[in-house]
Amino acid sequence: MSDLSQFPITTRWPASHPDRIQLYSLNTPNGVKVSIALEELELPYEPHLVDIGANESWTPEFLSLNPNGKIPAIIDPDGPGGKPLALFESGAILVYLAEKTGRLIPADPAGRYETIQWVFFQNAAIGPIFGQVGFFHKFAGRAIGDKRPLERYVNESKRLLGVLEDRLKDRPWIMGDEYTIADVTTLGWVRNLIGFYEAGELVDYAALKNVPAWLERGLARPAVQRGLEIPKKG
């Protein structure tokens, strides 16, 4: 039996199965990256719902695992050398899980780094920019009379979608024929932009061809459908 008592987060979210990967998350666009990957990789894991709406990610227990106060985060009881490993930042977690299993990432070094660059592209550009569209279009930012911030993020979102559109020309997945963590990290954000954020018309999503087809392929995967619901508030 694995001992996770060294991690204070387990006092607030106790592990019923300490021998499994512990996932601390919520089914947001960032959170589902890791739940989708875990489902795709068929790794045993135990999800713990962190209610960010109730500021649970800013509790001392969660901050002991991720001092940046953001989901998702994990503890792998069987980390490198058989020792427990705690990780935060979704991109780092995806690379770790892919390399742990040898799946969802090319084996050759050049393909590996190319995949990682697209993971970074999502984390550095798509996520933050799409999120700002959501804020200024659907949430508190709607009340701001000056619409220049919204226009800025909408235009940048269109540009980023154009990058994806070009990348997906004549290829089913971001890395070609191989579905990878580059797709896993991006699917939830594109889905959220046109779904939950209701910004499809704003970003001219209907004018795209390759991105919608890619999103449809991704959402058709059973592991993606499962991961999108984990962990979900009741």
C-alpha atoms as a PDB file:
ATOM      1  CA  MET A   1       0.000   0.000   0.000  1.00  0.00           C
ATOM      2  CA  SER A   2       1.393   3.375  -1.013  1.00  0.00           C
ATOM      3  CA  ASP A   3       1.863   5.983   1.708  1.00  0.00           C
ATOM      4  CA  LEU A   4       0.848   9.468   0.581  1.00  0.00           C
ATOM      5  CA  SER A   5       0.814  10.992   4.069  1.00  0.00           C
ATOM      6  CA  GLN A   6       3.750  13.226   3.154  1.00  0.00           C
ATOM      7  CA  PHE A   7       1.387  15.246   0.957  1.00  0.00           C
ATOM      8  CA  PRO A   8      -0.821  17.617   3.019  1.00  0.00           C
ATOM      9  CA  ILE A   9      -3.406  17.747   0.221  1.00  0.00           C
ATOM     10  CA  THR A  10      -4.489  14.222   1.173  1.00  0.00           C
ATOM     11  CA  THR A  11      -5.822  15.495   4.496  1.00  0.00           C
ATOM     12  CA  ARG A  12      -8.522  17.455   2.645  1.00  0.00           C
ATOM     13  CA  TRP A  13      -8.949  15.016  -0.251  1.00  0.00           C
ATOM     14  CA  PRO A  14      -8.153  11.591   1.254  1.00  0.00           C
ATOM     15  CA  ALA A  15      -7.007   8.832  -1.073  1.00  0.00           C
ATOM     16  CA  SER A  16      -9.281   5.803  -1.045  1.00  0.00           C
ATOM     17  CA  HIS A  17      -6.881   4.129  -3.479  1.00  0.00           C
ATOM     18  CA  PRO A  18      -3.408   5.461  -2.667  1.00  0.00           C
ATOM     19  CA  ASP A  19      -1.807   3.057  -5.131  1.00  0.00           C
ATOM     20  CA  ARG A  20      -3.471   4.944  -8.009  1.00  0.00           C
ATOM     21  CA  ILE A  21      -2.627   8.310  -9.554  1.00  0.00           C
ATOM     22  CA  GLN A  22      -4.414  11.003  -7.573  1.00  0.00           C
ATOM     23  CA  LEU A  23      -6.037  13.643  -9.780  1.00  0.00           C
ATOM     24  CA  TYR A  24      -7.095  16.976  -8.267  1.00  0.00           C
ATOM     25  CA  SER A  25      -9.181  18.773 -10.836  1.00  0.00           C
ATOM     26  CA  LEU A  26     -12.500  19.931 -12.253  1.00  0.00           C
ATOM     27  CA  ASN A  27     -13.849  19.408 -15.765  1.00  0.00           C
ATOM     28  CA  THR A  28     -12.760  22.796 -17.085  1.00  0.00           C
ATOM     29  CA  PRO A  29     -10.848  23.083 -20.396  1.00  0.00           C
ATOM     30  CA  ASN A  30      -7.589  22.828 -18.472  1.00  0.00           C
ATOM     31  CA  GLY A  31      -8.771  20.135 -16.106  1.00  0.00           C
ATOM     32  CA  VAL A  32     -10.081  17.766 -18.760  1.00  0.00           C
ATOM     33  CA  LYS A  33      -6.702  17.605 -20.483  1.00  0.00           C
ATOM     34  CA  VAL A  34      -5.439  15.293 -17.760  1.00  0.00           C
ATOM     35  CA  SER A  35      -8.622  13.273 -17.253  1.00  0.00           C
ATOM     36  CA  ILE A  36      -8.792  12.661 -21.022  1.00  0.00           C
ATOM     37  CA  ALA A  37      -5.146  11.598 -21.085  1.00  0.00           C
ATOM     38  CA  LEU A  38      -5.642   9.246 -18.143  1.00  0.00           C
ATOM     39  CA  GLU A  39      -8.674   7.714 -19.840  1.00  0.00           C
ATOM     40  CA  GLU A  40      -6.836   7.368 -23.160  1.00  0.00           C
ATOM     41  CA  LEU A  41      -3.819   5.798 -21.457  1.00  0.00           C
ATOM     42  CA  GLU A  42      -5.993   3.502 -19.310  1.00  0.00           C
ATOM     43  CA  LEU A  43      -4.007   4.367 -16.208  1.00  0.00           C
ATOM     44  CA  PRO A  44      -5.650   3.652 -12.850  1.00  0.00           C
ATOM     45  CA  TYR A  45      -6.460   6.938 -11.145  1.00  0.00           C
ATOM     46  CA  GLU A  46      -8.622   8.435  -8.442  1.00  0.00           C
ATOM     47  CA  PRO A  47     -10.247  11.798  -9.231  1.00  0.00           C
ATOM     48  CA  HIS A  48     -10.851  14.412  -6.556  1.00  0.00           C
ATOM     49  CA  LEU A  49     -13.150  17.325  -7.345  1.00  0.00           C
ATOM     50  CA  VAL A  50     -11.584  20.688  -6.518  1.00  0.00           C
ATOM     51  CA  ASP A  51     -14.360  23.264  -6.562  1.00  0.00           C
ATOM     52  CA  ILE A  52     -12.656  26.358  -7.964  1.00  0.00           C
ATOM     53  CA  GLY A  53     -15.936  28.264  -7.669  1.00  0.00           C
ATOM     54  CA  ALA A  54     -15.667  27.797  -3.910  1.00  0.00           C
ATOM     55  CA  ASN A  55     -11.966  28.787  -4.000  1.00  0.00           C
ATOM     56  CA  GLU A  56     -10.852  25.315  -2.950  1.00  0.00           C
ATOM     57  CA  SER A  57      -7.745  25.646  -5.086  1.00  0.00           C
ATOM     58  CA  TRP A  58      -6.593  28.451  -2.767  1.00  0.00           C
ATOM     59  CA  THR A  59      -6.808  26.379   0.396  1.00  0.00           C
ATOM     60  CA  PRO A  60      -3.540  25.601   2.223  1.00  0.00           C
ATOM     61  CA  GLU A  61      -3.925  21.916   1.358  1.00  0.00           C
ATOM     62  CA  PHE A  62      -4.173  22.510  -2.385  1.00  0.00           C
ATOM     63  CA  LEU A  63      -1.479  25.183  -2.361  1.00  0.00           C
ATOM     64  CA  SER A  64       0.860  22.652  -0.744  1.00  0.00           C
ATOM     65  CA  LEU A  65       0.678  20.734  -4.050  1.00  0.00           C
ATOM     66  CA  ASN A  66       0.407  23.664  -6.446  1.00  0.00           C
ATOM     67  CA  PRO A  67       1.553  27.012  -5.032  1.00  0.00           C
ATOM     68  CA  ASN A  68       0.017  28.690  -8.088  1.00  0.00           C
ATOM     69  CA  GLY A  69      -3.460  27.646  -6.966  1.00  0.00           C
ATOM     70  CA  LYS A  70      -4.625  26.238 -10.309  1.00  0.00           C
ATOM     71  CA  ILE A  71      -6.077  22.893 -11.348  1.00  0.00           C
ATOM     72  CA  PRO A  72      -5.198  20.274 -12.466  1.00  0.00           C
ATOM     73  CA  ALA A  73      -2.534  18.655 -10.310  1.00  0.00           C
ATOM     74  CA  ILE A  74      -1.592  15.041  -9.681  1.00  0.00           C
ATOM     75  CA  ILE A  75       0.310  12.767  -7.365  1.00  0.00           C
ATOM     76  CA  ASP A  76       1.697   9.614  -8.935  1.00  0.00           C
ATOM     77  CA  PRO A  77       2.517   7.124  -6.151  1.00  0.00           C
ATOM     78  CA  ASP A  78       4.680   5.221  -8.642  1.00  0.00           C
ATOM     79  CA  GLY A  79       6.834   8.028  -9.992  1.00  0.00           C
ATOM     80  CA  PRO A  80      10.428   7.867 -11.214  1.00  0.00           C
ATOM     81  CA  GLY A  81      12.414   5.354  -9.215  1.00  0.00           C
ATOM     82  CA  GLY A  82       9.197   4.074  -7.665  1.00  0.00           C
ATOM     83  CA  LYS A  83       8.868   7.177  -5.488  1.00  0.00           C
ATOM     84  CA  PRO A  84       5.759   9.382  -5.343  1.00  0.00           C
ATOM     85  CA  LEU A  85       5.818  12.374  -7.677  1.00  0.00           C
ATOM     86  CA  ALA A  86       3.636  15.464  -7.404  1.00  0.00           C
ATOM     87  CA  LEU A  87       3.090  17.610 -10.503  1.00  0.00           C
ATOM     88  CA  PHE A  88       1.122  20.690 -11.480  1.00  0.00           C
ATOM     89  CA  GLU A  89       0.749  22.528 -14.817  1.00  0.00           C
ATOM     90  CA  SER A  90      -1.324  20.572 -17.345  1.00  0.00           C
ATOM     91  CA  GLY A  91       1.355  20.603 -20.056  1.00  0.00           C
ATOM     92  CA  ALA A  92       3.970  19.130 -17.741  1.00  0.00           C
ATOM     93  CA  ILE A  93       1.511  16.480 -16.552  1.00  0.00           C
ATOM     94  CA  LEU A  94       0.636  15.478 -20.128  1.00  0.00           C
ATOM     95  CA  VAL A  95       4.284  15.112 -21.124  1.00  0.00           C
ATOM     96  CA  TYR A  96       4.968  13.100 -17.975  1.00  0.00           C
ATOM     97  CA  LEU A  97       2.042  10.715 -18.485  1.00  0.00           C
ATOM     98  CA  ALA A  98       2.867  10.233 -22.170  1.00  0.00           C
ATOM     99  CA  GLU A  99       6.497   9.450 -21.422  1.00  0.00           C
ATOM    100  CA  LYS A 100       5.574   7.223 -18.479  1.00  0.00           C
ATOM    101  CA  THR A 101       3.503   5.020 -20.768  1.00  0.00           C
ATOM    102  CA  GLY A 102       5.258   5.535 -24.103  1.00  0.00           C
ATOM    103  CA  ARG A 103       1.920   6.507 -25.636  1.00  0.00           C
ATOM    104  CA  LEU A 104       0.330   9.665 -27.068  1.00  0.00           C
ATOM    105  CA  ILE A 105       3.780  10.940 -28.011  1.00  0.00           C
ATOM    106  CA  PRO A 106       6.103   9.873 -30.863  1.00  0.00           C
ATOM    107  CA  ALA A 107       9.018   7.657 -29.958  1.00  0.00           C
ATOM    108  CA  ASP A 108      11.518   9.439 -32.196  1.00  0.00           C
ATOM    109  CA  PRO A 109      13.135  12.536 -30.629  1.00  0.00           C
ATOM    110  CA  ALA A 110      12.238  14.909 -33.468  1.00  0.00           C
ATOM    111  CA  GLY A 111       8.553  13.918 -33.355  1.00  0.00           C
ATOM    112  CA  ARG A 112       8.594  14.132 -29.576  1.00  0.00           C
ATOM    113  CA  TYR A 113       9.832  17.699 -29.556  1.00  0.00           C
ATOM    114  CA  GLU A 114       7.469  18.713 -32.334  1.00  0.00           C
ATOM    115  CA  THR A 115       4.571  17.372 -30.297  1.00  0.00           C
ATOM    116  CA  ILE A 116       5.738  19.216 -27.201  1.00  0.00           C
ATOM    117  CA  GLN A 117       5.948  22.464 -29.163  1.00  0.00           C
ATOM    118  CA  TRP A 118       2.234  22.150 -30.018  1.00  0.00           C
ATOM    119  CA  VAL A 119       1.443  21.419 -26.383  1.00  0.00           C
ATOM    120  CA  PHE A 120       3.280  24.630 -25.478  1.00  0.00           C
ATOM    121  CA  PHE A 121       1.403  26.460 -28.249  1.00  0.00           C
ATOM    122  CA  GLN A 122      -1.891  25.559 -26.618  1.00  0.00           C
ATOM    123  CA  ASN A 123      -0.724  26.357 -23.098  1.00  0.00           C
ATOM    124  CA  ALA A 124       0.908  29.663 -24.008  1.00  0.00           C
ATOM    125  CA  ALA A 125      -1.522  30.959 -26.634  1.00  0.00           C
ATOM    126  CA  ILE A 126      -4.812  29.163 -27.205  1.00  0.00           C
ATOM    127  CA  GLY A 127      -5.766  28.714 -23.560  1.00  0.00           C
ATOM    128  CA  PRO A 128      -5.040  32.237 -22.321  1.00  0.00           C
ATOM    129  CA  ILE A 129      -6.480  33.982 -25.395  1.00  0.00           C
ATOM    130  CA  PHE A 130      -9.641  31.897 -25.655  1.00  0.00           C
ATOM    131  CA  GLY A 131     -10.133  32.373 -21.931  1.00  0.00           C
ATOM    132  CA  GLN A 132     -10.053  36.137 -22.346  1.00  0.00           C
ATOM    133  CA  VAL A 133     -12.694  35.891 -25.067  1.00  0.00           C
ATOM    134  CA  GLY A 134     -14.866  34.016 -22.585  1.00  0.00           C
ATOM    135  CA  PHE A 135     -14.317  36.661 -19.908  1.00  0.00           C
ATOM    136  CA  PHE A 136     -15.119  39.648 -22.108  1.00  0.00           C
ATOM    137  CA  HIS A 137     -17.898  37.987 -24.131  1.00  0.00           C
ATOM    138  CA  LYS A 138     -19.812  35.942 -21.569  1.00  0.00           C
ATOM    139  CA  PHE A 139     -18.714  36.809 -18.048  1.00  0.00           C
ATOM    140  CA  ALA A 140     -17.892  39.932 -16.018  1.00  0.00           C
ATOM    141  CA  GLY A 141     -16.097  41.629 -18.903  1.00  0.00           C
ATOM    142  CA  ARG A 142     -19.384  42.012 -20.756  1.00  0.00           C
ATOM    143  CA  ALA A 143     -20.196  44.972 -18.539  1.00  0.00           C
ATOM    144  CA  ILE A 144     -17.151  46.915 -19.732  1.00  0.00           C
ATOM    145  CA  GLY A 145     -18.255  49.615 -22.141  1.00  0.00           C
ATOM    146  CA  ASP A 146     -14.945  49.747 -24.002  1.00  0.00           C
ATOM    147  CA  LYS A 147     -15.102  46.801 -26.430  1.00  0.00           C
ATOM    148  CA  ARG A 148     -11.494  47.086 -27.588  1.00  0.00           C
ATOM    149  CA  PRO A 149     -10.273  44.335 -25.221  1.00  0.00           C
ATOM    150  CA  LEU A 150     -12.898  41.926 -26.587  1.00  0.00           C
ATOM    151  CA  GLU A 151     -12.013  42.861 -30.166  1.00  0.00           C
ATOM    152  CA  ARG A 152      -8.334  42.296 -29.451  1.00  0.00           C
ATOM    153  CA  TYR A 153      -8.873  38.787 -28.077  1.00  0.00           C
ATOM    154  CA  VAL A 154     -11.428  37.857 -30.729  1.00  0.00           C
ATOM    155  CA  ASN A 155      -9.003  38.845 -33.492  1.00  0.00           C
ATOM    156  CA  GLU A 156      -6.180  36.928 -31.859  1.00  0.00           C
ATOM    157  CA  SER A 157      -8.442  33.898 -31.454  1.00  0.00           C
ATOM    158  CA  LYS A 158      -9.248  34.034 -35.158  1.00  0.00           C
ATOM    159  CA  ARG A 159      -5.541  34.107 -35.922  1.00  0.00           C
ATOM    160  CA  LEU A 160      -4.822  31.143 -33.640  1.00  0.00           C
ATOM    161  CA  LEU A 161      -7.673  29.153 -35.160  1.00  0.00           C
ATOM    162  CA  GLY A 162      -6.125  29.964 -38.533  1.00  0.00           C
ATOM    163  CA  VAL A 163      -2.829  28.463 -37.362  1.00  0.00           C
ATOM    164  CA  LEU A 164      -4.688  25.283 -36.386  1.00  0.00           C
ATOM    165  CA  GLU A 165      -6.660  25.302 -39.624  1.00  0.00           C
ATOM    166  CA  ASP A 166      -3.441  25.386 -41.674  1.00  0.00           C
ATOM    167  CA  ARG A 167      -1.785  22.751 -39.509  1.00  0.00           C
ATOM    168  CA  LEU A 168      -4.710  20.361 -39.928  1.00  0.00           C
ATOM    169  CA  LYS A 169      -4.789  20.606 -43.708  1.00  0.00           C
ATOM    170  CA  ASP A 170      -4.523  17.098 -45.169  1.00  0.00           C
ATOM    171  CA  ARG A 171      -3.937  15.516 -41.743  1.00  0.00           C
ATOM    172  CA  PRO A 172      -6.424  14.066 -39.250  1.00  0.00           C
ATOM    173  CA  TRP A 173      -4.496  15.084 -36.123  1.00  0.00           C
ATOM    174  CA  ILE A 174      -2.092  17.855 -35.199  1.00  0.00           C
ATOM    175  CA  MET A 175       0.878  15.485 -35.572  1.00  0.00           C
ATOM    176  CA  GLY A 176      -0.466  13.777 -38.687  1.00  0.00           C
ATOM    177  CA  ASP A 177      -1.807  10.243 -38.523  1.00  0.00           C
ATOM    178  CA  GLU A 178      -0.925   9.905 -34.843  1.00  0.00           C
ATOM    179  CA  TYR A 179      -3.272  11.203 -32.150  1.00  0.00           C
ATOM    180  CA  THR A 180      -1.111  12.729 -29.415  1.00  0.00           C
ATOM    181  CA  ILE A 181      -1.100  14.929 -26.343  1.00  0.00           C
ATOM    182  CA  ALA A 182      -1.050  17.871 -28.775  1.00  0.00           C
ATOM    183  CA  ASP A 183      -4.650  17.002 -29.615  1.00  0.00           C
ATOM    184  CA  VAL A 184      -5.567  16.145 -26.037  1.00  0.00           C
ATOM    185  CA  THR A 185      -4.426  19.526 -24.759  1.00  0.00           C
ATOM    186  CA  THR A 186      -6.284  21.489 -27.456  1.00  0.00           C
ATOM    187  CA  LEU A 187      -9.629  19.732 -27.905  1.00  0.00           C
ATOM    188  CA  GLY A 188     -11.270  21.004 -24.734  1.00  0.00           C
ATOM    189  CA  TRP A 189     -10.377  24.617 -25.410  1.00  0.00           C
ATOM    190  CA  VAL A 190     -11.772  24.695 -28.951  1.00  0.00           C
ATOM    191  CA  ARG A 191     -14.898  22.916 -27.713  1.00  0.00           C
ATOM    192  CA  ASN A 192     -15.259  25.459 -24.912  1.00  0.00           C
ATOM    193  CA  LEU A 193     -14.791  28.467 -27.180  1.00  0.00           C
ATOM    194  CA  ILE A 194     -17.668  27.552 -29.454  1.00  0.00           C
ATOM    195  CA  GLY A 195     -19.760  25.826 -26.791  1.00  0.00           C
ATOM    196  CA  PHE A 196     -19.673  27.177 -23.257  1.00  0.00           C
ATOM    197  CA  TYR A 197     -18.314  30.586 -24.290  1.00  0.00           C
ATOM    198  CA  GLU A 198     -20.826  30.796 -27.176  1.00  0.00           C
ATOM    199  CA  ALA A 199     -18.224  32.598 -29.286  1.00  0.00           C
ATOM    200  CA  GLY A 200     -18.436  30.598 -32.502  1.00  0.00           C
ATOM    201  CA  GLU A 201     -20.034  33.405 -34.477  1.00  0.00           C
ATOM    202  CA  LEU A 202     -17.609  35.960 -33.047  1.00  0.00           C
ATOM    203  CA  VAL A 203     -14.546  34.032 -34.256  1.00  0.00           C
ATOM    204  CA  ASP A 204     -16.066  32.983 -37.613  1.00  0.00           C
ATOM    205  CA  TYR A 205     -15.858  29.323 -36.677  1.00  0.00           C
ATOM    206  CA  ALA A 206     -18.295  28.327 -39.430  1.00  0.00           C
ATOM    207  CA  ALA A 207     -15.809  29.549 -42.034  1.00  0.00           C
ATOM    208  CA  LEU A 208     -13.298  26.899 -40.951  1.00  0.00           C
ATOM    209  CA  LYS A 209     -13.161  23.411 -42.426  1.00  0.00           C
ATOM    210  CA  ASN A 210     -10.292  21.463 -40.911  1.00  0.00           C
ATOM    211  CA  VAL A 211     -10.657  22.518 -37.273  1.00  0.00           C
ATOM    212  CA  PRO A 212     -14.351  21.535 -36.992  1.00  0.00           C
ATOM    213  CA  ALA A 213     -13.641  18.154 -38.623  1.00  0.00           C
ATOM    214  CA  TRP A 214     -10.736  17.584 -36.215  1.00  0.00           C
ATOM    215  CA  LEU A 215     -12.874  18.551 -33.220  1.00  0.00           C
ATOM    216  CA  GLU A 216     -15.622  16.171 -34.325  1.00  0.00           C
ATOM    217  CA  ARG A 217     -13.104  13.318 -34.655  1.00  0.00           C
ATOM    218  CA  GLY A 218     -11.692  14.055 -31.238  1.00  0.00           C
ATOM    219  CA  LEU A 219     -15.040  14.304 -29.481  1.00  0.00           C
ATOM    220  CA  ALA A 220     -16.075  10.981 -31.017  1.00  0.00           C
ATOM    221  CA  ARG A 221     -13.360   9.178 -29.053  1.00  0.00           C
ATOM    222  CA  PRO A 222     -14.893   7.332 -26.076  1.00  0.00           C
ATOM    223  CA  ALA A 223     -11.983   8.268 -23.798  1.00  0.00           C
ATOM    224  CA  VAL A 224     -12.504  11.946 -24.637  1.00  0.00           C
ATOM    225  CA  GLN A 225     -16.207  11.722 -23.846  1.00  0.00           C
ATOM    226  CA  ARG A 226     -15.431  10.113 -20.490  1.00  0.00           C
ATOM    227  CA  GLY A 227     -12.658  12.543 -19.656  1.00  0.00           C
ATOM    228  CA  LEU A 228     -14.819  15.575 -20.346  1.00  0.00           C
ATOM    229  CA  GLU A 229     -17.038  14.590 -17.419  1.00  0.00           C
ATOM    230  CA  ILE A 230     -14.289  13.927 -14.839  1.00  0.00           C
ATOM    231  CA  PRO A 231     -14.435  15.218 -12.190  1.00  0.00           C
ATOM    232  CA  LYS A 232     -17.788  16.926 -12.548  1.00  0.00           C
ATOM    233  CA  LYS A 233     -19.808  18.798  -9.965  1.00  0.00           C
ATOM    234  CA  GLY A 234     -23.068  17.048  -9.168  1.00  0.00           C
END
